[in-house]
PDB file of all heavy atoms in Angstrom:
ATOM      1  N   ALA A   1     -20.854  -6.117  15.846  1.00  0.00           N
ATOM      2  CA  ALA A   1     -21.410  -6.673  14.615  1.00  0.00           C
ATOM      3  C   ALA A   1     -22.929  -6.695  14.725  1.00  0.00           C
ATOM      4  O   ALA A   1     -23.489  -6.635  15.813  1.00  0.00           O
ATOM      5  CB  ALA A   1     -20.881  -8.086  14.392  1.00  0.00           C
ATOM      6  N   ALA A   2     -23.557  -6.802  13.587  1.00  0.00           N
ATOM      7  CA  ALA A   2     -25.010  -6.943  13.568  1.00  0.00           C
ATOM      8  C   ALA A   2     -25.372  -8.311  14.134  1.00  0.00           C
ATOM      9  O   ALA A   2     -24.565  -9.249  14.100  1.00  0.00           O
ATOM     10  CB  ALA A   2     -25.522  -6.811  12.138  1.00  0.00           C
ATOM     11  N   VAL A   3     -26.579  -8.435  14.646  1.00  0.00           N
ATOM     12  CA  VAL A   3     -27.033  -9.693  15.237  1.00  0.00           C
ATOM     13  C   VAL A   3     -26.928 -10.842  14.237  1.00  0.00           C
ATOM     14  O   VAL A   3     -26.472 -11.938  14.569  1.00  0.00           O
ATOM     15  CB  VAL A   3     -28.476  -9.556  15.787  1.00  0.00           C
ATOM     16  CG1 VAL A   3     -29.010 -10.896  16.257  1.00  0.00           C
ATOM     17  CG2 VAL A   3     -28.508  -8.555  16.929  1.00  0.00           C
ATOM     18  N   GLY A   4     -27.313 -10.603  12.997  1.00  0.00           N
ATOM     19  CA  GLY A   4     -27.243 -11.643  11.963  1.00  0.00           C
ATOM     20  C   GLY A   4     -25.816 -12.115  11.732  1.00  0.00           C
ATOM     21  O   GLY A   4     -25.562 -13.312  11.572  1.00  0.00           O
ATOM     22  N   GLU A   5     -24.874 -11.171  11.703  1.00  0.00           N
ATOM     23  CA  GLU A   5     -23.459 -11.534  11.528  1.00  0.00           C
ATOM     24  C   GLU A   5     -22.975 -12.385  12.701  1.00  0.00           C
ATOM     25  O   GLU A   5     -22.283 -13.386  12.511  1.00  0.00           O
ATOM     26  CB  GLU A   5     -22.582 -10.278  11.421  1.00  0.00           C
ATOM     27  CG  GLU A   5     -22.791  -9.488  10.158  1.00  0.00           C
ATOM     28  CD  GLU A   5     -22.047  -8.165  10.157  1.00  0.00           C
ATOM     29  OE1 GLU A   5     -21.916  -7.530  11.231  1.00  0.00           O
ATOM     30  OE2 GLU A   5     -21.594  -7.771   9.066  1.00  0.00           O
ATOM     31  N   TYR A   6     -23.349 -11.978  13.883  1.00  0.00           N
ATOM     32  CA  TYR A   6     -22.955 -12.717  15.089  1.00  0.00           C
ATOM     33  C   TYR A   6     -23.530 -14.132  15.073  1.00  0.00           C
ATOM     34  O   TYR A   6     -22.835 -15.098  15.373  1.00  0.00           O
ATOM     35  CB  TYR A   6     -23.428 -11.949  16.328  1.00  0.00           C
ATOM     36  CG  TYR A   6     -23.021 -12.564  17.641  1.00  0.00           C
ATOM     37  CD1 TYR A   6     -21.686 -12.565  18.040  1.00  0.00           C
ATOM     38  CD2 TYR A   6     -23.960 -13.122  18.487  1.00  0.00           C
ATOM     39  CE1 TYR A   6     -21.307 -13.113  19.252  1.00  0.00           C
ATOM     40  CE2 TYR A   6     -23.593 -13.670  19.699  1.00  0.00           C
ATOM     41  CZ  TYR A   6     -22.269 -13.665  20.080  1.00  0.00           C
ATOM     42  OH  TYR A   6     -21.897 -14.211  21.284  1.00  0.00           O
ATOM     43  N   ASN A   7     -24.780 -14.247  14.681  1.00  0.00           N
ATOM     44  CA  ASN A   7     -25.427 -15.559  14.631  1.00  0.00           C
ATOM     45  C   ASN A   7     -24.773 -16.469  13.583  1.00  0.00           C
ATOM     46  O   ASN A   7     -24.534 -17.654  13.841  1.00  0.00           O
ATOM     47  CB  ASN A   7     -26.916 -15.415  14.357  1.00  0.00           C
ATOM     48  CG  ASN A   7     -27.664 -14.830  15.543  1.00  0.00           C
ATOM     49  OD1 ASN A   7     -27.175 -14.828  16.667  1.00  0.00           O
ATOM     50  ND2 ASN A   7     -28.838 -14.301  15.290  1.00  0.00           N
ATOM     51  N   ARG A   8     -24.479 -15.920  12.402  1.00  0.00           N
ATOM     52  CA  ARG A   8     -23.805 -16.718  11.364  1.00  0.00           C
ATOM     53  C   ARG A   8     -22.406 -17.130  11.810  1.00  0.00           C
ATOM     54  O   ARG A   8     -21.974 -18.253  11.557  1.00  0.00           O
ATOM     55  CB  ARG A   8     -23.747 -15.947  10.042  1.00  0.00           C
ATOM     56  CG  ARG A   8     -25.068 -15.945   9.288  1.00  0.00           C
ATOM     57  CD  ARG A   8     -24.951 -15.339   7.909  1.00  0.00           C
ATOM     58  NE  ARG A   8     -24.557 -13.940   7.929  1.00  0.00           N
ATOM     59  CZ  ARG A   8     -25.380 -12.913   8.123  1.00  0.00           C
ATOM     60  NH1 ARG A   8     -26.678 -13.138   8.295  1.00  0.00           N
ATOM     61  NH2 ARG A   8     -24.938 -11.680   8.115  1.00  0.00           N
ATOM     62  N   SER A   9     -21.695 -16.235  12.494  1.00  0.00           N
ATOM     63  CA  SER A   9     -20.345 -16.593  12.945  1.00  0.00           C
ATOM     64  C   SER A   9     -20.412 -17.710  13.983  1.00  0.00           C
ATOM     65  O   SER A   9     -19.562 -18.604  13.986  1.00  0.00           O
ATOM     66  CB  SER A   9     -19.599 -15.374  13.497  1.00  0.00           C
ATOM     67  OG  SER A   9     -20.119 -14.943  14.727  1.00  0.00           O
ATOM     68  N   THR A  10     -21.422 -17.697  14.825  1.00  0.00           N
ATOM     69  CA  THR A  10     -21.584 -18.780  15.806  1.00  0.00           C
ATOM     70  C   THR A  10     -21.877 -20.088  15.090  1.00  0.00           C
ATOM     71  O   THR A  10     -21.363 -21.144  15.475  1.00  0.00           O
ATOM     72  CB  THR A  10     -22.701 -18.451  16.816  1.00  0.00           C
ATOM     73  OG1 THR A  10     -22.393 -17.207  17.456  1.00  0.00           O
ATOM     74  CG2 THR A  10     -22.836 -19.539  17.871  1.00  0.00           C
ATOM     75  N   GLY A  11     -22.673 -20.035  14.042  1.00  0.00           N
ATOM     76  CA  GLY A  11     -22.950 -21.236  13.252  1.00  0.00           C
ATOM     77  C   GLY A  11     -21.687 -21.803  12.629  1.00  0.00           C
ATOM     78  O   GLY A  11     -21.444 -23.017  12.667  1.00  0.00           O
ATOM     79  N   LEU A  12     -20.851 -20.924  12.064  1.00  0.00           N
ATOM     80  CA  LEU A  12     -19.587 -21.370  11.477  1.00  0.00           C
ATOM     81  C   LEU A  12     -18.684 -21.988  12.537  1.00  0.00           C
ATOM     82  O   LEU A  12     -18.099 -23.054  12.325  1.00  0.00           O
ATOM     83  CB  LEU A  12     -18.875 -20.200  10.793  1.00  0.00           C
ATOM     84  CG  LEU A  12     -17.484 -20.507  10.239  1.00  0.00           C
ATOM     85  CD1 LEU A  12     -17.550 -21.562   9.143  1.00  0.00           C
ATOM     86  CD2 LEU A  12     -16.823 -19.240   9.730  1.00  0.00           C
ATOM     87  N   GLU A  13     -18.575 -21.335  13.673  1.00  0.00           N
ATOM     88  CA  GLU A  13     -17.742 -21.862  14.762  1.00  0.00           C
ATOM     89  C   GLU A  13     -18.250 -23.222  15.231  1.00  0.00           C
ATOM     90  O   GLU A  13     -17.452 -24.106  15.573  1.00  0.00           O
ATOM     91  CB  GLU A  13     -17.710 -20.880  15.931  1.00  0.00           C
ATOM     92  CG  GLU A  13     -16.945 -19.608  15.625  1.00  0.00           C
ATOM     93  CD  GLU A  13     -17.113 -18.545  16.685  1.00  0.00           C
ATOM     94  OE1 GLU A  13     -18.012 -18.666  17.553  1.00  0.00           O
ATOM     95  OE2 GLU A  13     -16.339 -17.564  16.648  1.00  0.00           O
ATOM     96  N   ALA A  14     -19.565 -23.408  15.251  1.00  0.00           N
ATOM     97  CA  ALA A  14     -20.128 -24.699  15.660  1.00  0.00           C
ATOM     98  C   ALA A  14     -19.701 -25.798  14.690  1.00  0.00           C
ATOM     99  O   ALA A  14     -19.335 -26.905  15.111  1.00  0.00           O
ATOM    100  CB  ALA A  14     -21.658 -24.616  15.744  1.00  0.00           C
ATOM    101  N   VAL A  15     -19.718 -25.497  13.397  1.00  0.00           N
ATOM    102  CA  VAL A  15     -19.283 -26.480  12.388  1.00  0.00           C
ATOM    103  C   VAL A  15     -17.812 -26.818  12.595  1.00  0.00           C
ATOM    104  O   VAL A  15     -17.428 -27.996  12.616  1.00  0.00           O
ATOM    105  CB  VAL A  15     -19.531 -25.959  10.951  1.00  0.00           C
ATOM    106  CG1 VAL A  15     -18.883 -26.872   9.914  1.00  0.00           C
ATOM    107  CG2 VAL A  15     -21.023 -25.817  10.687  1.00  0.00           C
ATOM    108  N   ILE A  16     -16.985 -25.813  12.773  1.00  0.00           N
ATOM    109  CA  ILE A  16     -15.547 -26.049  12.966  1.00  0.00           C
ATOM    110  C   ILE A  16     -15.317 -26.846  14.251  1.00  0.00           C
ATOM    111  O   ILE A  16     -14.500 -27.777  14.276  1.00  0.00           O
ATOM    112  CB  ILE A  16     -14.770 -24.723  12.970  1.00  0.00           C
ATOM    113  CG1 ILE A  16     -14.844 -24.072  11.585  1.00  0.00           C
ATOM    114  CG2 ILE A  16     -13.309 -24.948  13.375  1.00  0.00           C
ATOM    115  CD1 ILE A  16     -14.345 -22.643  11.533  1.00  0.00           C
ATOM    116  N   GLY A  17     -16.030 -26.518  15.307  1.00  0.00           N
ATOM    117  CA  GLY A  17     -15.903 -27.255  16.566  1.00  0.00           C
ATOM    118  C   GLY A  17     -16.301 -28.713  16.408  1.00  0.00           C
ATOM    119  O   GLY A  17     -15.627 -29.617  16.914  1.00  0.00           O
ATOM    120  N   TYR A  18     -17.380 -28.951  15.697  1.00  0.00           N
ATOM    121  CA  TYR A  18     -17.837 -30.322  15.437  1.00  0.00           C
ATOM    122  C   TYR A  18     -16.776 -31.104  14.662  1.00  0.00           C
ATOM    123  O   TYR A  18     -16.423 -32.226  15.017  1.00  0.00           O
ATOM    124  CB  TYR A  18     -19.159 -30.289  14.671  1.00  0.00           C
ATOM    125  CG  TYR A  18     -19.590 -31.646  14.175  1.00  0.00           C
ATOM    126  CD1 TYR A  18     -20.210 -32.542  15.038  1.00  0.00           C
ATOM    127  CD2 TYR A  18     -19.344 -32.047  12.869  1.00  0.00           C
ATOM    128  CE1 TYR A  18     -20.580 -33.802  14.592  1.00  0.00           C
ATOM    129  CE2 TYR A  18     -19.715 -33.296  12.421  1.00  0.00           C
ATOM    130  CZ  TYR A  18     -20.333 -34.172  13.290  1.00  0.00           C
ATOM    131  OH  TYR A  18     -20.680 -35.429  12.865  1.00  0.00           O
ATOM    132  N   LEU A  19     -16.282 -30.497  13.590  1.00  0.00           N
ATOM    133  CA  LEU A  19     -15.276 -31.175  12.766  1.00  0.00           C
ATOM    134  C   LEU A  19     -14.009 -31.452  13.566  1.00  0.00           C
ATOM    135  O   LEU A  19     -13.403 -32.525  13.444  1.00  0.00           O
ATOM    136  CB  LEU A  19     -14.960 -30.339  11.518  1.00  0.00           C
ATOM    137  CG  LEU A  19     -16.098 -30.193  10.515  1.00  0.00           C
ATOM    138  CD1 LEU A  19     -15.737 -29.176   9.436  1.00  0.00           C
ATOM    139  CD2 LEU A  19     -16.480 -31.537   9.904  1.00  0.00           C
ATOM    140  N   TYR A  20     -13.611 -30.516  14.390  1.00  0.00           N
ATOM    141  CA  TYR A  20     -12.413 -30.697  15.208  1.00  0.00           C
ATOM    142  C   TYR A  20     -12.599 -31.842  16.210  1.00  0.00           C
ATOM    143  O   TYR A  20     -11.762 -32.736  16.310  1.00  0.00           O
ATOM    144  CB  TYR A  20     -12.051 -29.399  15.945  1.00  0.00           C
ATOM    145  CG  TYR A  20     -10.916 -29.622  16.898  1.00  0.00           C
ATOM    146  CD1 TYR A  20      -9.609 -29.730  16.439  1.00  0.00           C
ATOM    147  CD2 TYR A  20     -11.149 -29.780  18.257  1.00  0.00           C
ATOM    148  CE1 TYR A  20      -8.568 -29.977  17.300  1.00  0.00           C
ATOM    149  CE2 TYR A  20     -10.111 -30.029  19.129  1.00  0.00           C
ATOM    150  CZ  TYR A  20      -8.817 -30.124  18.651  1.00  0.00           C
ATOM    151  OH  TYR A  20      -7.792 -30.392  19.517  1.00  0.00           O
ATOM    152  N   LEU A  21     -13.711 -31.815  16.928  1.00  0.00           N
ATOM    153  CA  LEU A  21     -13.933 -32.831  17.968  1.00  0.00           C
ATOM    154  C   LEU A  21     -14.055 -34.236  17.388  1.00  0.00           C
ATOM    155  O   LEU A  21     -13.724 -35.213  18.045  1.00  0.00           O
ATOM    156  CB  LEU A  21     -15.179 -32.488  18.785  1.00  0.00           C
ATOM    157  CG  LEU A  21     -15.035 -31.288  19.712  1.00  0.00           C
ATOM    158  CD1 LEU A  21     -16.383 -30.929  20.321  1.00  0.00           C
ATOM    159  CD2 LEU A  21     -14.001 -31.551  20.803  1.00  0.00           C
ATOM    160  N   THR A  22     -14.527 -34.312  16.151  1.00  0.00           N
ATOM    161  CA  THR A  22     -14.684 -35.625  15.510  1.00  0.00           C
ATOM    162  C   THR A  22     -13.457 -36.016  14.684  1.00  0.00           C
ATOM    163  O   THR A  22     -13.472 -37.031  13.990  1.00  0.00           O
ATOM    164  CB  THR A  22     -15.961 -35.663  14.640  1.00  0.00           C
ATOM    165  OG1 THR A  22     -15.902 -34.626  13.662  1.00  0.00           O
ATOM    166  CG2 THR A  22     -17.218 -35.534  15.500  1.00  0.00           C
ATOM    167  N   GLY A  23     -12.404 -35.208  14.760  1.00  0.00           N
ATOM    168  CA  GLY A  23     -11.140 -35.542  14.110  1.00  0.00           C
ATOM    169  C   GLY A  23     -11.093 -35.313  12.609  1.00  0.00           C
ATOM    170  O   GLY A  23     -10.219 -35.844  11.922  1.00  0.00           O
ATOM    171  N   GLN A  24     -11.985 -34.498  12.088  1.00  0.00           N
ATOM    172  CA  GLN A  24     -12.045 -34.257  10.641  1.00  0.00           C
ATOM    173  C   GLN A  24     -11.194 -33.042  10.245  1.00  0.00           C
ATOM    174  O   GLN A  24     -11.676 -32.063   9.688  1.00  0.00           O
ATOM    175  CB  GLN A  24     -13.501 -34.075  10.225  1.00  0.00           C
ATOM    176  CG  GLN A  24     -14.344 -35.309  10.485  1.00  0.00           C
ATOM    177  CD  GLN A  24     -15.762 -35.094  10.049  1.00  0.00           C
ATOM    178  OE1 GLN A  24     -16.035 -34.817   8.878  1.00  0.00           O
ATOM    179  NE2 GLN A  24     -16.696 -35.211  10.994  1.00  0.00           N
ATOM    180  N   TYR A  25      -9.908 -33.129  10.540  1.00  0.00           N
ATOM    181  CA  TYR A  25      -8.988 -32.012  10.326  1.00  0.00           C
ATOM    182  C   TYR A  25      -8.832 -31.644   8.854  1.00  0.00           C
ATOM    183  O   TYR A  25      -8.739 -30.466   8.514  1.00  0.00           O
ATOM    184  CB  TYR A  25      -7.609 -32.321  10.915  1.00  0.00           C
ATOM    185  CG  TYR A  25      -7.651 -32.722  12.369  1.00  0.00           C
ATOM    186  CD1 TYR A  25      -6.878 -33.768  12.824  1.00  0.00           C
ATOM    187  CD2 TYR A  25      -8.474 -32.064  13.276  1.00  0.00           C
ATOM    188  CE1 TYR A  25      -6.904 -34.148  14.157  1.00  0.00           C
ATOM    189  CE2 TYR A  25      -8.518 -32.433  14.604  1.00  0.00           C
ATOM    190  CZ  TYR A  25      -7.732 -33.478  15.048  1.00  0.00           C
ATOM    191  OH  TYR A  25      -7.761 -33.847  16.356  1.00  0.00           O
ATOM    192  N   GLN A  26      -8.792 -32.636   7.987  1.00  0.00           N
ATOM    193  CA  GLN A  26      -8.654 -32.329   6.550  1.00  0.00           C
ATOM    194  C   GLN A  26      -9.863 -31.549   6.042  1.00  0.00           C
ATOM    195  O   GLN A  26      -9.730 -30.681   5.187  1.00  0.00           O
ATOM    196  CB  GLN A  26      -8.447 -33.597   5.733  1.00  0.00           C
ATOM    197  CG  GLN A  26      -7.063 -34.188   5.922  1.00  0.00           C
ATOM    198  CD  GLN A  26      -6.848 -35.406   5.038  1.00  0.00           C
ATOM    199  OE1 GLN A  26      -7.792 -36.107   4.689  1.00  0.00           O
ATOM    200  NE2 GLN A  26      -5.598 -35.653   4.689  1.00  0.00           N
ATOM    201  N   ARG A  27     -11.014 -31.869   6.585  1.00  0.00           N
ATOM    202  CA  ARG A  27     -12.223 -31.151   6.177  1.00  0.00           C
ATOM    203  C   ARG A  27     -12.152 -29.689   6.645  1.00  0.00           C
ATOM    204  O   ARG A  27     -12.508 -28.776   5.899  1.00  0.00           O
ATOM    205  CB  ARG A  27     -13.478 -31.853   6.732  1.00  0.00           C
ATOM    206  CG  ARG A  27     -14.770 -31.168   6.360  1.00  0.00           C
ATOM    207  CD  ARG A  27     -15.011 -31.165   4.870  1.00  0.00           C
ATOM    208  NE  ARG A  27     -16.297 -30.540   4.581  1.00  0.00           N
ATOM    209  CZ  ARG A  27     -16.597 -29.952   3.453  1.00  0.00           C
ATOM    210  NH1 ARG A  27     -15.738 -29.939   2.452  1.00  0.00           N
ATOM    211  NH2 ARG A  27     -17.773 -29.405   3.282  1.00  0.00           N
ATOM    212  N   ILE A  28     -11.688 -29.473   7.877  1.00  0.00           N
ATOM    213  CA  ILE A  28     -11.516 -28.102   8.374  1.00  0.00           C
ATOM    214  C   ILE A  28     -10.591 -27.355   7.426  1.00  0.00           C
ATOM    215  O   ILE A  28     -10.885 -26.247   6.985  1.00  0.00           O
ATOM    216  CB  ILE A  28     -10.926 -28.088   9.800  1.00  0.00           C
ATOM    217  CG1 ILE A  28     -11.884 -28.707  10.808  1.00  0.00           C
ATOM    218  CG2 ILE A  28     -10.577 -26.646  10.212  1.00  0.00           C
ATOM    219  CD1 ILE A  28     -11.261 -28.932  12.184  1.00  0.00           C
ATOM    220  N   ASP A  29      -9.475 -27.975   7.125  1.00  0.00           N
ATOM    221  CA  ASP A  29      -8.479 -27.337   6.275  1.00  0.00           C
ATOM    222  C   ASP A  29      -9.052 -27.021   4.895  1.00  0.00           C
ATOM    223  O   ASP A  29      -8.862 -25.925   4.374  1.00  0.00           O
ATOM    224  CB  ASP A  29      -7.244 -28.240   6.158  1.00  0.00           C
ATOM    225  CG  ASP A  29      -6.007 -27.483   5.770  1.00  0.00           C
ATOM    226  OD1 ASP A  29      -5.789 -26.362   6.280  1.00  0.00           O
ATOM    227  OD2 ASP A  29      -5.238 -28.014   4.953  1.00  0.00           O
ATOM    228  N   SER A  30      -9.779 -27.954   4.296  1.00  0.00           N
ATOM    229  CA  SER A  30     -10.323 -27.709   2.953  1.00  0.00           C
ATOM    230  C   SER A  30     -11.359 -26.586   2.989  1.00  0.00           C
ATOM    231  O   SER A  30     -11.412 -25.776   2.058  1.00  0.00           O
ATOM    232  CB  SER A  30     -10.904 -28.981   2.345  1.00  0.00           C
ATOM    233  OG  SER A  30     -12.085 -29.362   2.983  1.00  0.00           O
ATOM    234  N   LEU A  31     -12.160 -26.499   4.031  1.00  0.00           N
ATOM    235  CA  LEU A  31     -13.131 -25.409   4.133  1.00  0.00           C
ATOM    236  C   LEU A  31     -12.441 -24.070   4.356  1.00  0.00           C
ATOM    237  O   LEU A  31     -12.747 -23.078   3.692  1.00  0.00           O
ATOM    238  CB  LEU A  31     -14.132 -25.672   5.269  1.00  0.00           C
ATOM    239  CG  LEU A  31     -15.182 -26.732   5.020  1.00  0.00           C
ATOM    240  CD1 LEU A  31     -15.958 -27.028   6.287  1.00  0.00           C
ATOM    241  CD2 LEU A  31     -16.127 -26.338   3.882  1.00  0.00           C
ATOM    242  N   LEU A  32     -11.511 -24.032   5.289  1.00  0.00           N
ATOM    243  CA  LEU A  32     -10.895 -22.763   5.648  1.00  0.00           C
ATOM    244  C   LEU A  32      -9.926 -22.257   4.581  1.00  0.00           C
ATOM    245  O   LEU A  32      -9.639 -21.059   4.540  1.00  0.00           O
ATOM    246  CB  LEU A  32     -10.222 -22.853   7.014  1.00  0.00           C
ATOM    247  CG  LEU A  32     -11.182 -23.097   8.172  1.00  0.00           C
ATOM    248  CD1 LEU A  32     -10.445 -23.063   9.498  1.00  0.00           C
ATOM    249  CD2 LEU A  32     -12.326 -22.085   8.170  1.00  0.00           C
ATOM    250  N   LYS A  33      -9.462 -23.135   3.723  1.00  0.00           N
ATOM    251  CA  LYS A  33      -8.622 -22.654   2.617  1.00  0.00           C
ATOM    252  C   LYS A  33      -9.417 -21.749   1.685  1.00  0.00           C
ATOM    253  O   LYS A  33      -8.831 -20.969   0.942  1.00  0.00           O
ATOM    254  CB  LYS A  33      -8.032 -23.834   1.844  1.00  0.00           C
ATOM    255  CG  LYS A  33      -6.836 -24.426   2.561  1.00  0.00           C
ATOM    256  CD  LYS A  33      -6.174 -25.487   1.740  1.00  0.00           C
ATOM    257  CE  LYS A  33      -4.968 -25.987   2.515  1.00  0.00           C
ATOM    258  NZ  LYS A  33      -4.292 -27.061   1.850  1.00  0.00           N
ATOM    259  N   GLU A  34     -10.739 -21.825   1.743  1.00  0.00           N
ATOM    260  CA  GLU A  34     -11.582 -20.930   0.946  1.00  0.00           C
ATOM    261  C   GLU A  34     -11.314 -19.476   1.331  1.00  0.00           C
ATOM    262  O   GLU A  34     -11.428 -18.591   0.485  1.00  0.00           O
ATOM    263  CB  GLU A  34     -13.067 -21.248   1.151  1.00  0.00           C
ATOM    264  CG  GLU A  34     -13.516 -22.502   0.474  1.00  0.00           C
ATOM    265  CD  GLU A  34     -13.406 -22.435  -1.036  1.00  0.00           C
ATOM    266  OE1 GLU A  34     -13.829 -21.415  -1.628  1.00  0.00           O
ATOM    267  OE2 GLU A  34     -12.883 -23.383  -1.625  1.00  0.00           O
TER     268      GLU A  34
END
């Protein structure tokens, strides 16, 4: 992937990791249903 794509994907993964670790499962689900 291009560097920009890789960087954005890492940003998305960081958000999902944060939400998971803090127990915000419904928020993960509502975002990923997009």
